[in-house]
Amino acid sequence: MYKAITRDIEVRAEPFFLEDRSNPADNEYFWAYRITIANHSNRPVKLMSRHWRITDANGRVQEVRGDGVVGDQPELDPGDSYQYTSGCPLTTPSGFMVGEYTMTAPDGETFEIDIPAFSLDVPGEARSVN
């Protein structure tokens, strides 16, 4: 489990390799990841958008931006948490993801919170370091 806390909002990430959706012979590897966002602050917040940087084992970076997460823009009151699962394909057996969520508060303040960097590794594969 990977964790980051920004402005008393905790983001936890847990990646899972999906062997049944992967085809290494065709350089197709697929991971799911579960994200949990917990609002430990004393004010409500709303997740407006996401920004991911996905890097494969060859150093290729793909950036993904969009509104909300999995079609939702969750609102979290103090003490609330929100969890979702999504996925990521790569053409290499390893890589990593990192990013930010853009949040808004009731007073109109907009700010970013960190999504922790997490690795995507095929179990049992040796990772090369360049």
C-alpha atoms as a PDB file:
ATOM      1  CA  MET A   1       0.000   0.000   0.000  1.00  0.00           C
ATOM      2  CA  TYR A   2       1.246   3.466  -0.921  1.00  0.00           C
ATOM      3  CA  LYS A   3       0.134   6.617   0.925  1.00  0.00           C
ATOM      4  CA  ALA A   4       0.338  10.418   0.618  1.00  0.00           C
ATOM      5  CA  ILE A   5      -1.236  13.080   2.823  1.00  0.00           C
ATOM      6  CA  THR A   6      -1.796  16.628   1.587  1.00  0.00           C
ATOM      7  CA  ARG A   7      -3.705  19.228   3.625  1.00  0.00           C
ATOM      8  CA  ASP A   8      -5.096  16.469   5.869  1.00  0.00           C
ATOM      9  CA  ILE A   9      -6.478  14.518   2.917  1.00  0.00           C
ATOM     10  CA  GLU A  10      -5.033  11.021   2.673  1.00  0.00           C
ATOM     11  CA  VAL A  11      -4.727   9.121  -0.605  1.00  0.00           C
ATOM     12  CA  ARG A  12      -3.877   5.415  -0.484  1.00  0.00           C
ATOM     13  CA  ALA A  13      -3.113   3.349  -3.584  1.00  0.00           C
ATOM     14  CA  GLU A  14      -2.981  -0.414  -3.930  1.00  0.00           C
ATOM     15  CA  PRO A  15      -2.045  -1.875  -7.359  1.00  0.00           C
ATOM     16  CA  PHE A  16      -2.843  -5.440  -8.506  1.00  0.00           C
ATOM     17  CA  PHE A  17      -1.439  -7.211 -11.571  1.00  0.00           C
ATOM     18  CA  LEU A  18      -4.231  -8.796 -13.630  1.00  0.00           C
ATOM     19  CA  GLU A  19      -2.704 -11.872 -15.209  1.00  0.00           C
ATOM     20  CA  ASP A  20      -5.979 -12.930 -16.857  1.00  0.00           C
ATOM     21  CA  ARG A  21      -6.219  -9.595 -18.743  1.00  0.00           C
ATOM     22  CA  SER A  22      -2.531  -9.595 -19.746  1.00  0.00           C
ATOM     23  CA  ASN A  23      -0.809 -11.206 -22.722  1.00  0.00           C
ATOM     24  CA  PRO A  24       2.986 -10.996 -22.304  1.00  0.00           C
ATOM     25  CA  ALA A  25       3.568 -12.623 -25.730  1.00  0.00           C
ATOM     26  CA  ASP A  26       1.982  -9.492 -27.256  1.00  0.00           C
ATOM     27  CA  ASN A  27       3.571  -7.066 -24.740  1.00  0.00           C
ATOM     28  CA  GLU A  28       0.199  -6.424 -23.098  1.00  0.00           C
ATOM     29  CA  TYR A  29       0.221  -6.058 -19.319  1.00  0.00           C
ATOM     30  CA  PHE A  30      -2.717  -4.839 -17.245  1.00  0.00           C
ATOM     31  CA  TRP A  31      -3.020  -3.666 -13.649  1.00  0.00           C
ATOM     32  CA  ALA A  32      -5.947  -2.621 -11.534  1.00  0.00           C
ATOM     33  CA  TYR A  33      -5.467  -0.186  -8.709  1.00  0.00           C
ATOM     34  CA  ARG A  34      -7.669   0.664  -5.762  1.00  0.00           C
ATOM     35  CA  ILE A  35      -7.606   4.249  -4.513  1.00  0.00           C
ATOM     36  CA  THR A  36      -8.967   5.350  -1.140  1.00  0.00           C
ATOM     37  CA  ILE A  37      -9.325   9.067  -0.394  1.00  0.00           C
ATOM     38  CA  ALA A  38      -9.956   9.990   3.251  1.00  0.00           C
ATOM     39  CA  ASN A  39     -10.819  13.504   4.374  1.00  0.00           C
ATOM     40  CA  HIS A  40      -9.141  14.077   7.756  1.00  0.00           C
ATOM     41  CA  SER A  41      -9.539  17.860   7.457  1.00  0.00           C
ATOM     42  CA  ASN A  42     -12.186  19.957   9.178  1.00  0.00           C
ATOM     43  CA  ARG A  43     -13.971  21.059   5.989  1.00  0.00           C
ATOM     44  CA  PRO A  44     -15.818  19.381   3.128  1.00  0.00           C
ATOM     45  CA  VAL A  45     -13.990  18.946  -0.185  1.00  0.00           C
ATOM     46  CA  LYS A  46     -14.980  17.863  -3.677  1.00  0.00           C
ATOM     47  CA  LEU A  47     -12.733  16.022  -6.138  1.00  0.00           C
ATOM     48  CA  MET A  48     -12.954  17.919  -9.427  1.00  0.00           C
ATOM     49  CA  SER A  49     -10.293  16.365 -11.677  1.00  0.00           C
ATOM     50  CA  ARG A  50      -7.318  14.032 -11.923  1.00  0.00           C
ATOM     51  CA  HIS A  51      -3.868  14.176 -13.513  1.00  0.00           C
ATOM     52  CA  TRP A  52      -1.806  10.994 -13.882  1.00  0.00           C
ATOM     53  CA  ARG A  53       1.745  10.481 -15.172  1.00  0.00           C
ATOM     54  CA  ILE A  54       2.228   6.847 -16.158  1.00  0.00           C
ATOM     55  CA  THR A  55       5.788   5.753 -16.924  1.00  0.00           C
ATOM     56  CA  ASP A  56       6.664   2.381 -18.443  1.00  0.00           C
ATOM     57  CA  ALA A  57       9.929   0.434 -18.050  1.00  0.00           C
ATOM     58  CA  ASN A  58      11.345   2.134 -21.171  1.00  0.00           C
ATOM     59  CA  GLY A  59      10.821   5.597 -19.684  1.00  0.00           C
ATOM     60  CA  ARG A  60       7.875   6.485 -21.923  1.00  0.00           C
ATOM     61  CA  VAL A  61       5.480   8.808 -20.101  1.00  0.00           C
ATOM     62  CA  GLN A  62       1.764   9.052 -20.768  1.00  0.00           C
ATOM     63  CA  GLU A  63      -0.227  11.853 -19.147  1.00  0.00           C
ATOM     64  CA  VAL A  64      -3.917  11.391 -18.406  1.00  0.00           C
ATOM     65  CA  ARG A  65      -6.170  14.281 -17.354  1.00  0.00           C
ATOM     66  CA  GLY A  66      -9.890  14.311 -16.854  1.00  0.00           C
ATOM     67  CA  ASP A  67     -12.854  15.348 -14.788  1.00  0.00           C
ATOM     68  CA  GLY A  68     -13.425  13.367 -11.604  1.00  0.00           C
ATOM     69  CA  VAL A  69     -12.636   9.678 -11.256  1.00  0.00           C
ATOM     70  CA  VAL A  70     -14.515   6.755 -12.839  1.00  0.00           C
ATOM     71  CA  GLY A  71     -17.302   9.122 -13.875  1.00  0.00           C
ATOM     72  CA  ASP A  72     -17.757  10.603 -10.408  1.00  0.00           C
ATOM     73  CA  GLN A  73     -16.818  13.837  -8.637  1.00  0.00           C
ATOM     74  CA  PRO A  74     -17.133  12.713  -5.032  1.00  0.00           C
ATOM     75  CA  GLU A  75     -17.831  15.106  -2.178  1.00  0.00           C
ATOM     76  CA  LEU A  76     -16.204  14.198   1.120  1.00  0.00           C
ATOM     77  CA  ASP A  77     -17.313  15.708   4.393  1.00  0.00           C
ATOM     78  CA  PRO A  78     -14.835  15.702   7.289  1.00  0.00           C
ATOM     79  CA  GLY A  79     -14.269  12.078   8.320  1.00  0.00           C
ATOM     80  CA  ASP A  80     -15.608  10.652   5.027  1.00  0.00           C
ATOM     81  CA  SER A  81     -13.714   8.405   2.665  1.00  0.00           C
ATOM     82  CA  TYR A  82     -14.253   7.405  -0.955  1.00  0.00           C
ATOM     83  CA  GLN A  83     -12.874   4.348  -2.737  1.00  0.00           C
ATOM     84  CA  TYR A  84     -12.727   3.407  -6.406  1.00  0.00           C
ATOM     85  CA  THR A  85     -10.955   0.917  -8.642  1.00  0.00           C
ATOM     86  CA  SER A  86      -9.580   1.587 -12.101  1.00  0.00           C
ATOM     87  CA  GLY A  87      -6.989   0.089 -14.432  1.00  0.00           C
ATOM     88  CA  CYS A  88      -3.833   0.753 -16.400  1.00  0.00           C
ATOM     89  CA  PRO A  89      -2.392  -1.069 -19.431  1.00  0.00           C
ATOM     90  CA  LEU A  90       1.329  -1.042 -20.245  1.00  0.00           C
ATOM     91  CA  THR A  91       3.449  -2.582 -23.004  1.00  0.00           C
ATOM     92  CA  THR A  92       6.227  -3.416 -20.499  1.00  0.00           C
ATOM     93  CA  PRO A  93       6.149  -5.712 -17.438  1.00  0.00           C
ATOM     94  CA  SER A  94       6.782  -2.823 -15.057  1.00  0.00           C
ATOM     95  CA  GLY A  95       6.269   0.886 -14.624  1.00  0.00           C
ATOM     96  CA  PHE A  96       4.836   3.361 -12.166  1.00  0.00           C
ATOM     97  CA  MET A  97       2.071   5.908 -11.745  1.00  0.00           C
ATOM     98  CA  VAL A  98       1.922   9.192  -9.848  1.00  0.00           C
ATOM     99  CA  GLY A  99      -0.377  12.188  -9.959  1.00  0.00           C
ATOM    100  CA  GLU A 100      -2.615  14.772  -8.352  1.00  0.00           C
ATOM    101  CA  TYR A 101      -6.279  15.357  -7.728  1.00  0.00           C
ATOM    102  CA  THR A 102      -7.682  18.866  -7.991  1.00  0.00           C
ATOM    103  CA  MET A 103     -10.015  19.539  -5.087  1.00  0.00           C
ATOM    104  CA  THR A 104     -12.353  22.393  -4.279  1.00  0.00           C
ATOM    105  CA  ALA A 105     -13.673  23.626  -0.943  1.00  0.00           C
ATOM    106  CA  PRO A 106     -17.074  25.258  -0.264  1.00  0.00           C
ATOM    107  CA  ASP A 107     -15.445  28.722  -0.144  1.00  0.00           C
ATOM    108  CA  GLY A 108     -14.308  28.235  -3.764  1.00  0.00           C
ATOM    109  CA  GLU A 109     -10.655  27.525  -2.959  1.00  0.00           C
ATOM    110  CA  THR A 110      -9.112  25.085  -5.446  1.00  0.00           C
ATOM    111  CA  PHE A 111      -5.998  23.079  -4.546  1.00  0.00           C
ATOM    112  CA  GLU A 112      -4.130  19.921  -5.508  1.00  0.00           C
ATOM    113  CA  ILE A 113      -3.501  16.868  -3.388  1.00  0.00           C
ATOM    114  CA  ASP A 114      -0.836  14.264  -4.130  1.00  0.00           C
ATOM    115  CA  ILE A 115      -1.517  10.771  -5.378  1.00  0.00           C
ATOM    116  CA  PRO A 116       1.441   8.703  -4.137  1.00  0.00           C
ATOM    117  CA  ALA A 117       3.799   7.162  -6.685  1.00  0.00           C
ATOM    118  CA  PHE A 118       3.188   3.429  -6.921  1.00  0.00           C
ATOM    119  CA  SER A 119       4.906   0.719  -8.895  1.00  0.00           C
ATOM    120  CA  LEU A 120       3.339  -1.620 -11.403  1.00  0.00           C
ATOM    121  CA  ASP A 121       5.313  -4.863 -11.458  1.00  0.00           C
ATOM    122  CA  VAL A 122       4.544  -8.293 -12.837  1.00  0.00           C
ATOM    123  CA  PRO A 123       5.063 -10.694  -9.910  1.00  0.00           C
ATOM    124  CA  GLY A 124       8.310 -12.637 -10.325  1.00  0.00           C
ATOM    125  CA  GLU A 125       9.691 -10.384 -13.090  1.00  0.00           C
ATOM    126  CA  ALA A 126      13.108  -8.876 -12.574  1.00  0.00           C
ATOM    127  CA  ARG A 127      12.986  -5.112 -12.907  1.00  0.00           C
ATOM    128  CA  SER A 128      15.789  -3.535 -14.935  1.00  0.00           C
ATOM    129  CA  VAL A 129      17.253  -0.251 -13.770  1.00  0.00           C
ATOM    130  CA  ASN A 130      18.773   1.987 -16.427  1.00  0.00           C
END
